[in-house]
PDB file of all heavy atoms in Angstrom:
ATOM      1  N   ALA A   1      90.903  88.961 105.430  1.00  0.00           N
ATOM      2  CA  ALA A   1      90.514  90.173 106.155  1.00  0.00           C
ATOM      3  C   ALA A   1      91.721  90.915 106.700  1.00  0.00           C
ATOM      4  O   ALA A   1      91.691  92.118 106.913  1.00  0.00           O
ATOM      5  CB  ALA A   1      89.571  89.808 107.298  1.00  0.00           C
ATOM      6  N   ALA A   2      92.816  90.193 106.946  1.00  0.00           N
ATOM      7  CA  ALA A   2      94.014  90.823 107.524  1.00  0.00           C
ATOM      8  C   ALA A   2      95.097  91.041 106.474  1.00  0.00           C
ATOM      9  O   ALA A   2      96.226  91.374 106.800  1.00  0.00           O
ATOM     10  CB  ALA A   2      94.555  89.967 108.651  1.00  0.00           C
ATOM     11  N   ARG A   3      94.728  90.887 105.187  1.00  0.00           N
ATOM     12  CA  ARG A   3      95.762  90.900 104.146  1.00  0.00           C
ATOM     13  C   ARG A   3      96.518  92.218 104.070  1.00  0.00           C
ATOM     14  O   ARG A   3      97.726  92.255 103.900  1.00  0.00           O
ATOM     15  CB  ARG A   3      95.121  90.593 102.790  1.00  0.00           C
ATOM     16  CG  ARG A   3      96.145  90.376 101.663  1.00  0.00           C
ATOM     17  CD  ARG A   3      95.482  89.712 100.461  1.00  0.00           C
ATOM     18  NE  ARG A   3      96.444  89.477  99.407  1.00  0.00           N
ATOM     19  CZ  ARG A   3      96.582  90.226  98.344  1.00  0.00           C
ATOM     20  NH1 ARG A   3      95.802  91.285  98.186  1.00  0.00           N
ATOM     21  NH2 ARG A   3      97.483  89.956  97.429  1.00  0.00           N
ATOM     22  N   TRP A   4      95.817  93.336 104.182  1.00  0.00           N
ATOM     23  CA  TRP A   4      96.509  94.626 104.054  1.00  0.00           C
ATOM     24  C   TRP A   4      97.473  94.849 105.216  1.00  0.00           C
ATOM     25  O   TRP A   4      98.552  95.421 105.048  1.00  0.00           O
ATOM     26  CB  TRP A   4      95.508  95.781 103.931  1.00  0.00           C
ATOM     27  CG  TRP A   4      94.794  96.155 105.187  1.00  0.00           C
ATOM     28  CD1 TRP A   4      93.628  95.664 105.645  1.00  0.00           C
ATOM     29  CD2 TRP A   4      95.210  97.144 106.133  1.00  0.00           C
ATOM     30  NE1 TRP A   4      93.278  96.260 106.830  1.00  0.00           N
ATOM     31  CE2 TRP A   4      94.238  97.183 107.146  1.00  0.00           C
ATOM     32  CE3 TRP A   4      96.311  97.995 106.238  1.00  0.00           C
ATOM     33  CZ2 TRP A   4      94.323  98.032 108.237  1.00  0.00           C
ATOM     34  CZ3 TRP A   4      96.400  98.845 107.317  1.00  0.00           C
ATOM     35  CH2 TRP A   4      95.417  98.860 108.311  1.00  0.00           C
ATOM     36  N   LEU A   5      97.084  94.366 106.415  1.00  0.00           N
ATOM     37  CA  LEU A   5      97.991  94.477 107.559  1.00  0.00           C
ATOM     38  C   LEU A   5      99.212  93.576 107.358  1.00  0.00           C
ATOM     39  O   LEU A   5     100.342  93.945 107.715  1.00  0.00           O
ATOM     40  CB  LEU A   5      97.273  94.084 108.851  1.00  0.00           C
ATOM     41  CG  LEU A   5      96.207  95.063 109.348  1.00  0.00           C
ATOM     42  CD1 LEU A   5      95.470  94.467 110.542  1.00  0.00           C
ATOM     43  CD2 LEU A   5      96.840  96.402 109.732  1.00  0.00           C
ATOM     44  N   LEU A   6      98.974  92.410 106.781  1.00  0.00           N
ATOM     45  CA  LEU A   6     100.068  91.489 106.500  1.00  0.00           C
ATOM     46  C   LEU A   6     101.056  92.104 105.518  1.00  0.00           C
ATOM     47  O   LEU A   6     102.280  92.068 105.722  1.00  0.00           O
ATOM     48  CB  LEU A   6      99.498  90.190 105.935  1.00  0.00           C
ATOM     49  CG  LEU A   6     100.506  89.170 105.384  1.00  0.00           C
ATOM     50  CD1 LEU A   6     101.418  88.680 106.491  1.00  0.00           C
ATOM     51  CD2 LEU A   6      99.767  88.019 104.722  1.00  0.00           C
ATOM     52  N   ILE A   7     100.543  92.711 104.449  1.00  0.00           N
ATOM     53  CA  ILE A   7     101.409  93.328 103.447  1.00  0.00           C
ATOM     54  C   ILE A   7     102.227  94.449 104.065  1.00  0.00           C
ATOM     55  O   ILE A   7     103.438  94.571 103.825  1.00  0.00           O
ATOM     56  CB  ILE A   7     100.565  93.838 102.260  1.00  0.00           C
ATOM     57  CG1 ILE A   7      99.985  92.657 101.482  1.00  0.00           C
ATOM     58  CG2 ILE A   7     101.401  94.728 101.340  1.00  0.00           C
ATOM     59  CD1 ILE A   7      98.968  93.046 100.442  1.00  0.00           C
ATOM     60  N   GLU A   8     101.575  95.262 104.880  1.00  0.00           N
ATOM     61  CA  GLU A   8     102.289  96.363 105.528  1.00  0.00           C
ATOM     62  C   GLU A   8     103.393  95.836 106.433  1.00  0.00           C
ATOM     63  O   GLU A   8     104.525  96.352 106.423  1.00  0.00           O
ATOM     64  CB  GLU A   8     101.312  97.220 106.334  1.00  0.00           C
ATOM     65  CG  GLU A   8     101.986  98.413 107.019  1.00  0.00           C
ATOM     66  CD  GLU A   8     100.993  99.269 107.774  1.00  0.00           C
ATOM     67  OE1 GLU A   8      99.818  98.866 107.891  1.00  0.00           O
ATOM     68  OE2 GLU A   8     101.398 100.340 108.250  1.00  0.00           O
ATOM     69  N   ARG A   9     103.086  94.801 107.209  1.00  0.00           N
ATOM     70  CA  ARG A   9     104.094  94.259 108.127  1.00  0.00           C
ATOM     71  C   ARG A   9     105.258  93.634 107.366  1.00  0.00           C
ATOM     72  O   ARG A   9     106.431  93.839 107.705  1.00  0.00           O
ATOM     73  CB  ARG A   9     103.447  93.219 109.054  1.00  0.00           C
ATOM     74  CG  ARG A   9     104.439  92.527 109.970  1.00  0.00           C
ATOM     75  CD  ARG A   9     103.744  91.709 111.054  1.00  0.00           C
ATOM     76  NE  ARG A   9     102.841  90.713 110.512  1.00  0.00           N
ATOM     77  CZ  ARG A   9     103.243  89.549 110.001  1.00  0.00           C
ATOM     78  NH1 ARG A   9     104.528  89.270 109.944  1.00  0.00           N
ATOM     79  NH2 ARG A   9     102.353  88.683 109.552  1.00  0.00           N
ATOM     80  N   LEU A  10     104.943  92.860 106.320  1.00  0.00           N
ATOM     81  CA  LEU A  10     106.001  92.248 105.522  1.00  0.00           C
ATOM     82  C   LEU A  10     106.889  93.301 104.875  1.00  0.00           C
ATOM     83  O   LEU A  10     108.113  93.164 104.822  1.00  0.00           O
ATOM     84  CB  LEU A  10     105.393  91.333 104.455  1.00  0.00           C
ATOM     85  CG  LEU A  10     104.790  90.020 104.950  1.00  0.00           C
ATOM     86  CD1 LEU A  10     104.013  89.350 103.843  1.00  0.00           C
ATOM     87  CD2 LEU A  10     105.869  89.109 105.500  1.00  0.00           C
ATOM     88  N   PHE A  11     106.269  94.357 104.359  1.00  0.00           N
ATOM     89  CA  PHE A  11     107.057  95.439 103.764  1.00  0.00           C
ATOM     90  C   PHE A  11     107.978  96.063 104.801  1.00  0.00           C
ATOM     91  O   PHE A  11     109.176  96.274 104.550  1.00  0.00           O
ATOM     92  CB  PHE A  11     106.132  96.501 103.171  1.00  0.00           C
ATOM     93  CG  PHE A  11     106.871  97.715 102.681  1.00  0.00           C
ATOM     94  CD1 PHE A  11     107.405  97.762 101.414  1.00  0.00           C
ATOM     95  CD2 PHE A  11     107.047  98.823 103.505  1.00  0.00           C
ATOM     96  CE1 PHE A  11     108.110  98.870 100.962  1.00  0.00           C
ATOM     97  CE2 PHE A  11     107.742  99.935 103.076  1.00  0.00           C
ATOM     98  CZ  PHE A  11     108.270  99.965 101.810  1.00  0.00           C
ATOM     99  N   ASP A  12     107.424  96.380 105.970  1.00  0.00           N
ATOM    100  CA  ASP A  12     108.223  97.026 107.021  1.00  0.00           C
ATOM    101  C   ASP A  12     109.428  96.183 107.416  1.00  0.00           C
ATOM    102  O   ASP A  12     110.507  96.714 107.696  1.00  0.00           O
ATOM    103  CB  ASP A  12     107.346  97.287 108.261  1.00  0.00           C
ATOM    104  CG  ASP A  12     106.386  98.441 108.052  1.00  0.00           C
ATOM    105  OD1 ASP A  12     106.607  99.234 107.119  1.00  0.00           O
ATOM    106  OD2 ASP A  12     105.407  98.525 108.815  1.00  0.00           O
ATOM    107  N   GLU A  13     109.252  94.865 107.442  1.00  0.00           N
ATOM    108  CA  GLU A  13     110.354  93.991 107.830  1.00  0.00           C
ATOM    109  C   GLU A  13     111.334  93.785 106.677  1.00  0.00           C
ATOM    110  O   GLU A  13     112.550  93.824 106.865  1.00  0.00           O
ATOM    111  CB  GLU A  13     109.805  92.656 108.312  1.00  0.00           C
ATOM    112  CG  GLU A  13     108.979  92.778 109.595  1.00  0.00           C
ATOM    113  CD  GLU A  13     108.531  91.432 110.137  1.00  0.00           C
ATOM    114  OE1 GLU A  13     109.102  90.407 109.727  1.00  0.00           O
ATOM    115  OE2 GLU A  13     107.616  91.425 110.962  1.00  0.00           O
ATOM    116  N   ALA A  14     110.821  93.593 105.465  1.00  0.00           N
ATOM    117  CA  ALA A  14     111.683  93.314 104.316  1.00  0.00           C
ATOM    118  C   ALA A  14     112.531  94.515 103.925  1.00  0.00           C
ATOM    119  O   ALA A  14     113.672  94.367 103.480  1.00  0.00           O
ATOM    120  CB  ALA A  14     110.838  92.866 103.122  1.00  0.00           C
ATOM    121  N   VAL A  15     111.986  95.727 104.081  1.00  0.00           N
ATOM    122  CA  VAL A  15     112.709  96.916 103.644  1.00  0.00           C
ATOM    123  C   VAL A  15     113.964  97.154 104.469  1.00  0.00           C
ATOM    124  O   VAL A  15     114.890  97.841 104.030  1.00  0.00           O
ATOM    125  CB  VAL A  15     111.779  98.157 103.681  1.00  0.00           C
ATOM    126  CG1 VAL A  15     111.629  98.691 105.096  1.00  0.00           C
ATOM    127  CG2 VAL A  15     112.303  99.242 102.727  1.00  0.00           C
ATOM    128  N   GLU A  16     114.024  96.563 105.657  1.00  0.00           N
ATOM    129  CA  GLU A  16     115.204  96.716 106.508  1.00  0.00           C
ATOM    130  C   GLU A  16     116.319  95.747 106.125  1.00  0.00           C
ATOM    131  O   GLU A  16     117.456  95.897 106.581  1.00  0.00           O
ATOM    132  CB  GLU A  16     114.819  96.478 107.984  1.00  0.00           C
ATOM    133  CG  GLU A  16     113.813  97.480 108.534  1.00  0.00           C
ATOM    134  CD  GLU A  16     114.354  98.900 108.537  1.00  0.00           C
ATOM    135  OE1 GLU A  16     115.575  99.064 108.716  1.00  0.00           O
ATOM    136  OE2 GLU A  16     113.556  99.836 108.340  1.00  0.00           O
ATOM    137  N   LEU A  17     116.003  94.764 105.289  1.00  0.00           N
ATOM    138  CA  LEU A  17     117.004  93.784 104.886  1.00  0.00           C
ATOM    139  C   LEU A  17     117.836  94.296 103.718  1.00  0.00           C
ATOM    140  O   LEU A  17     117.357  95.114 102.920  1.00  0.00           O
ATOM    141  CB  LEU A  17     116.318  92.479 104.460  1.00  0.00           C
ATOM    142  CG  LEU A  17     115.593  91.682 105.539  1.00  0.00           C
ATOM    143  CD1 LEU A  17     114.774  90.581 104.881  1.00  0.00           C
ATOM    144  CD2 LEU A  17     116.586  91.086 106.522  1.00  0.00           C
ATOM    145  N   PRO A  18     119.076  93.828 103.545  1.00  0.00           N
ATOM    146  CA  PRO A  18     119.826  94.112 102.320  1.00  0.00           C
ATOM    147  C   PRO A  18     119.035  93.605 101.120  1.00  0.00           C
ATOM    148  O   PRO A  18     118.361  92.561 101.196  1.00  0.00           O
ATOM    149  CB  PRO A  18     121.124  93.316 102.504  1.00  0.00           C
ATOM    150  CG  PRO A  18     121.265  93.158 103.987  1.00  0.00           C
ATOM    151  CD  PRO A  18     119.865  93.031 104.511  1.00  0.00           C
ATOM    152  N   ARG A  19     119.103  94.324 100.004  1.00  0.00           N
ATOM    153  CA  ARG A  19     118.277  93.960  98.846  1.00  0.00           C
ATOM    154  C   ARG A  19     118.501  92.523  98.397  1.00  0.00           C
ATOM    155  O   ARG A  19     117.573  91.842  97.955  1.00  0.00           O
ATOM    156  CB  ARG A  19     118.555  94.928  97.692  1.00  0.00           C
ATOM    157  CG  ARG A  19     118.105  96.346  97.978  1.00  0.00           C
ATOM    158  CD  ARG A  19     118.295  97.232  96.767  1.00  0.00           C
ATOM    159  NE  ARG A  19     118.040  98.624  97.088  1.00  0.00           N
ATOM    160  CZ  ARG A  19     118.085  99.608  96.212  1.00  0.00           C
ATOM    161  NH1 ARG A  19     118.375  99.367  94.958  1.00  0.00           N
ATOM    162  NH2 ARG A  19     117.843 100.853  96.589  1.00  0.00           N
ATOM    163  N   GLY A  20     119.744  92.066  98.484  1.00  0.00           N
ATOM    164  CA  GLY A  20     120.049  90.726  98.018  1.00  0.00           C
ATOM    165  C   GLY A  20     119.442  89.620  98.858  1.00  0.00           C
ATOM    166  O   GLY A  20     119.417  88.463  98.436  1.00  0.00           O
ATOM    167  N   GLU A  21     118.954  89.949 100.050  1.00  0.00           N
ATOM    168  CA  GLU A  21     118.389  88.929 100.935  1.00  0.00           C
ATOM    169  C   GLU A  21     116.864  88.935 100.938  1.00  0.00           C
ATOM    170  O   GLU A  21     116.242  88.056 101.534  1.00  0.00           O
ATOM    171  CB  GLU A  21     118.893  89.154 102.369  1.00  0.00           C
ATOM    172  CG  GLU A  21     120.408  89.040 102.517  1.00  0.00           C
ATOM    173  CD  GLU A  21     120.871  89.337 103.937  1.00  0.00           C
ATOM    174  OE1 GLU A  21     119.995  89.412 104.835  1.00  0.00           O
ATOM    175  OE2 GLU A  21     122.086  89.494 104.143  1.00  0.00           O
ATOM    176  N   ARG A  22     116.265  89.945 100.301  1.00  0.00           N
ATOM    177  CA  ARG A  22     114.810  90.102 100.428  1.00  0.00           C
ATOM    178  C   ARG A  22     114.026  88.962  99.789  1.00  0.00           C
ATOM    179  O   ARG A  22     113.032  88.484 100.359  1.00  0.00           O
ATOM    180  CB  ARG A  22     114.380  91.433  99.808  1.00  0.00           C
ATOM    181  CG  ARG A  22     114.851  92.656 100.583  1.00  0.00           C
ATOM    182  CD  ARG A  22     114.509  93.914  99.813  1.00  0.00           C
ATOM    183  NE  ARG A  22     114.981  95.110 100.488  1.00  0.00           N
ATOM    184  CZ  ARG A  22     114.939  96.328  99.938  1.00  0.00           C
ATOM    185  NH1 ARG A  22     114.435  96.475  98.728  1.00  0.00           N
ATOM    186  NH2 ARG A  22     115.393  97.370 100.601  1.00  0.00           N
ATOM    187  N   THR A  23     114.440  88.526  98.586  1.00  0.00           N
ATOM    188  CA  THR A  23     113.670  87.517  97.869  1.00  0.00           C
ATOM    189  C   THR A  23     113.586  86.214  98.649  1.00  0.00           C
ATOM    190  O   THR A  23     112.501  85.647  98.825  1.00  0.00           O
ATOM    191  CB  THR A  23     114.286  87.257  96.482  1.00  0.00           C
ATOM    192  OG1 THR A  23     114.234  88.469  95.712  1.00  0.00           O
ATOM    193  CG2 THR A  23     113.512  86.174  95.739  1.00  0.00           C
ATOM    194  N   ASP A  24     114.728  85.735  99.137  1.00  0.00           N
ATOM    195  CA  ASP A  24     114.731  84.483  99.903  1.00  0.00           C
ATOM    196  C   ASP A  24     113.895  84.623 101.171  1.00  0.00           C
ATOM    197  O   ASP A  24     113.158  83.704 101.554  1.00  0.00           O
ATOM    198  CB  ASP A  24     116.162  84.088 100.262  1.00  0.00           C
ATOM    199  CG  ASP A  24     116.953  83.614  99.057  1.00  0.00           C
ATOM    200  OD1 ASP A  24     116.325  83.287  98.036  1.00  0.00           O
ATOM    201  OD2 ASP A  24     118.197  83.586  99.138  1.00  0.00           O
ATOM    202  N   TRP A  25     114.014  85.780 101.827  1.00  0.00           N
ATOM    203  CA  TRP A  25     113.260  85.998 103.063  1.00  0.00           C
ATOM    204  C   TRP A  25     111.760  85.981 102.788  1.00  0.00           C
ATOM    205  O   TRP A  25     110.985  85.354 103.519  1.00  0.00           O
ATOM    206  CB  TRP A  25     113.675  87.329 103.696  1.00  0.00           C
ATOM    207  CG  TRP A  25     113.025  87.582 105.023  1.00  0.00           C
ATOM    208  CD1 TRP A  25     113.441  87.141 106.242  1.00  0.00           C
ATOM    209  CD2 TRP A  25     111.838  88.358 105.265  1.00  0.00           C
ATOM    210  NE1 TRP A  25     112.586  87.582 107.237  1.00  0.00           N
ATOM    211  CE2 TRP A  25     111.584  88.324 106.661  1.00  0.00           C
ATOM    212  CE3 TRP A  25     110.964  89.058 104.454  1.00  0.00           C
ATOM    213  CZ2 TRP A  25     110.507  88.980 107.240  1.00  0.00           C
ATOM    214  CZ3 TRP A  25     109.874  89.707 105.018  1.00  0.00           C
ATOM    215  CH2 TRP A  25     109.650  89.667 106.402  1.00  0.00           C
ATOM    216  N   LEU A  26     111.332  86.661 101.723  1.00  0.00           N
ATOM    217  CA  LEU A  26     109.910  86.697 101.397  1.00  0.00           C
ATOM    218  C   LEU A  26     109.383  85.322 101.008  1.00  0.00           C
ATOM    219  O   LEU A  26     108.244  84.973 101.327  1.00  0.00           O
ATOM    220  CB  LEU A  26     109.659  87.703 100.263  1.00  0.00           C
ATOM    221  CG  LEU A  26     109.608  89.171 100.668  1.00  0.00           C
ATOM    222  CD1 LEU A  26     109.565  90.068  99.435  1.00  0.00           C
ATOM    223  CD2 LEU A  26     108.406  89.447 101.568  1.00  0.00           C
ATOM    224  N   GLU A  27     110.200  84.537 100.315  1.00  0.00           N
ATOM    225  CA  GLU A  27     109.758  83.199  99.943  1.00  0.00           C
ATOM    226  C   GLU A  27     109.573  82.314 101.182  1.00  0.00           C
ATOM    227  O   GLU A  27     108.675  81.464 101.209  1.00  0.00           O
ATOM    228  CB  GLU A  27     110.759  82.564  98.977  1.00  0.00           C
ATOM    229  CG  GLU A  27     110.704  83.175  97.581  1.00  0.00           C
ATOM    230  CD  GLU A  27     111.698  82.572  96.633  1.00  0.00           C
ATOM    231  OE1 GLU A  27     112.565  81.791  97.082  1.00  0.00           O
ATOM    232  OE2 GLU A  27     111.615  82.883  95.432  1.00  0.00           O
ATOM    233  N   ARG A  28     110.399  82.530 102.201  1.00  0.00           N
ATOM    234  CA  ARG A  28     110.233  81.776 103.448  1.00  0.00           C
ATOM    235  C   ARG A  28     109.002  82.235 104.214  1.00  0.00           C
ATOM    236  O   ARG A  28     108.242  81.439 104.762  1.00  0.00           O
ATOM    237  CB  ARG A  28     111.469  81.940 104.349  1.00  0.00           C
ATOM    238  CG  ARG A  28     112.721  81.278 103.864  1.00  0.00           C
ATOM    239  CD  ARG A  28     113.720  81.113 105.011  1.00  0.00           C
ATOM    240  NE  ARG A  28     113.923  82.332 105.765  1.00  0.00           N
ATOM    241  CZ  ARG A  28     114.824  83.269 105.458  1.00  0.00           C
ATOM    242  NH1 ARG A  28     115.587  83.105 104.392  1.00  0.00           N
ATOM    243  NH2 ARG A  28     114.972  84.337 106.215  1.00  0.00           N
ATOM    244  N   MET A  29     108.811  83.557 104.265  1.00  0.00           N
ATOM    245  CA  MET A  29     107.784  84.137 105.105  1.00  0.00           C
ATOM    246  C   MET A  29     106.422  84.217 104.432  1.00  0.00           C
ATOM    247  O   MET A  29     105.403  84.323 105.099  1.00  0.00           O
ATOM    248  CB  MET A  29     108.207  85.549 105.535  1.00  0.00           C
ATOM    249  CG  MET A  29     109.502  85.590 106.326  1.00  0.00           C
ATOM    250  SD  MET A  29     109.373  84.589 107.818  1.00  0.00           S
ATOM    251  CE  MET A  29     108.053  85.453 108.641  1.00  0.00           C
ATOM    252  N   CYS A  30     106.425  84.211 103.090  1.00  0.00           N
ATOM    253  CA  CYS A  30     105.183  84.509 102.373  1.00  0.00           C
ATOM    254  C   CYS A  30     105.012  83.553 101.201  1.00  0.00           C
ATOM    255  O   CYS A  30     105.264  83.917 100.059  1.00  0.00           O
ATOM    256  CB  CYS A  30     105.238  85.964 101.902  1.00  0.00           C
ATOM    257  SG  CYS A  30     103.706  86.560 101.202  1.00  0.00           S
ATOM    258  N   PRO A  31     104.585  82.331 101.444  1.00  0.00           N
ATOM    259  CA  PRO A  31     104.426  81.362 100.360  1.00  0.00           C
ATOM    260  C   PRO A  31     103.333  81.727  99.369  1.00  0.00           C
ATOM    261  O   PRO A  31     103.306  81.215  98.254  1.00  0.00           O
ATOM    262  CB  PRO A  31     104.093  80.055 101.102  1.00  0.00           C
ATOM    263  CG  PRO A  31     103.519  80.497 102.411  1.00  0.00           C
ATOM    264  CD  PRO A  31     104.236  81.764 102.765  1.00  0.00           C
ATOM    265  N   ASP A  32     102.422  82.618  99.754  1.00  0.00           N
ATOM    266  CA  ASP A  32     101.356  83.058  98.852  1.00  0.00           C
ATOM    267  C   ASP A  32     101.938  84.006  97.805  1.00  0.00           C
ATOM    268  O   ASP A  32     102.403  85.093  98.126  1.00  0.00           O
ATOM    269  CB  ASP A  32     100.264  83.764  99.658  1.00  0.00           C
ATOM    270  CG  ASP A  32      99.242  84.436  98.764  1.00  0.00           C
ATOM    271  OD1 ASP A  32      98.856  83.837  97.751  1.00  0.00           O
ATOM    272  OD2 ASP A  32      98.857  85.573  99.074  1.00  0.00           O
ATOM    273  N   SER A  33     101.932  83.595  96.520  1.00  0.00           N
ATOM    274  CA  SER A  33     102.588  84.371  95.465  1.00  0.00           C
ATOM    275  C   SER A  33     101.930  85.724  95.247  1.00  0.00           C
ATOM    276  O   SER A  33     102.599  86.709  94.909  1.00  0.00           O
ATOM    277  CB  SER A  33     102.593  83.584  94.153  1.00  0.00           C
ATOM    278  OG  SER A  33     101.263  83.345  93.702  1.00  0.00           O
ATOM    279  N   SER A  34     100.607  85.819  95.435  1.00  0.00           N
ATOM    280  CA  SER A  34      99.913  87.087  95.221  1.00  0.00           C
ATOM    281  C   SER A  34     100.370  88.134  96.228  1.00  0.00           C
ATOM    282  O   SER A  34     100.730  89.257  95.871  1.00  0.00           O
ATOM    283  CB  SER A  34      98.402  86.875  95.329  1.00  0.00           C
ATOM    284  OG  SER A  34      97.719  88.109  95.243  1.00  0.00           O
ATOM    285  N   THR A  35     100.374  87.752  97.511  1.00  0.00           N
ATOM    286  CA  THR A  35     100.809  88.684  98.552  1.00  0.00           C
ATOM    287  C   THR A  35     102.274  89.029  98.391  1.00  0.00           C
ATOM    288  O   THR A  35     102.676  90.195  98.492  1.00  0.00           O
ATOM    289  CB  THR A  35     100.570  88.080  99.949  1.00  0.00           C
ATOM    290  OG1 THR A  35      99.175  87.769 100.081  1.00  0.00           O
ATOM    291  CG2 THR A  35     100.983  89.046 101.041  1.00  0.00           C
ATOM    292  N   ARG A  36     103.093  88.025  98.113  1.00  0.00           N
ATOM    293  CA  ARG A  36     104.523  88.266  97.926  1.00  0.00           C
ATOM    294  C   ARG A  36     104.766  89.228  96.762  1.00  0.00           C
ATOM    295  O   ARG A  36     105.617  90.112  96.826  1.00  0.00           O
ATOM    296  CB  ARG A  36     105.251  86.948  97.685  1.00  0.00           C
ATOM    297  CG  ARG A  36     106.770  87.110  97.581  1.00  0.00           C
ATOM    298  CD  ARG A  36     107.476  85.757  97.607  1.00  0.00           C
ATOM    299  NE  ARG A  36     107.173  84.950  96.433  1.00  0.00           N
ATOM    300  CZ  ARG A  36     106.497  83.812  96.438  1.00  0.00           C
ATOM    301  NH1 ARG A  36     106.035  83.338  97.579  1.00  0.00           N
ATOM    302  NH2 ARG A  36     106.282  83.144  95.322  1.00  0.00           N
TER     303      ARG A  36
END
């Protein structure tokens, strides 16, 4: 039920990171492969 809010929040946080750090950060924060 909160998936769209989760995606928006993850995007907002990840977009501020250097591109080279995004993948590792998302793998730590978002173990669900579909959402990631």
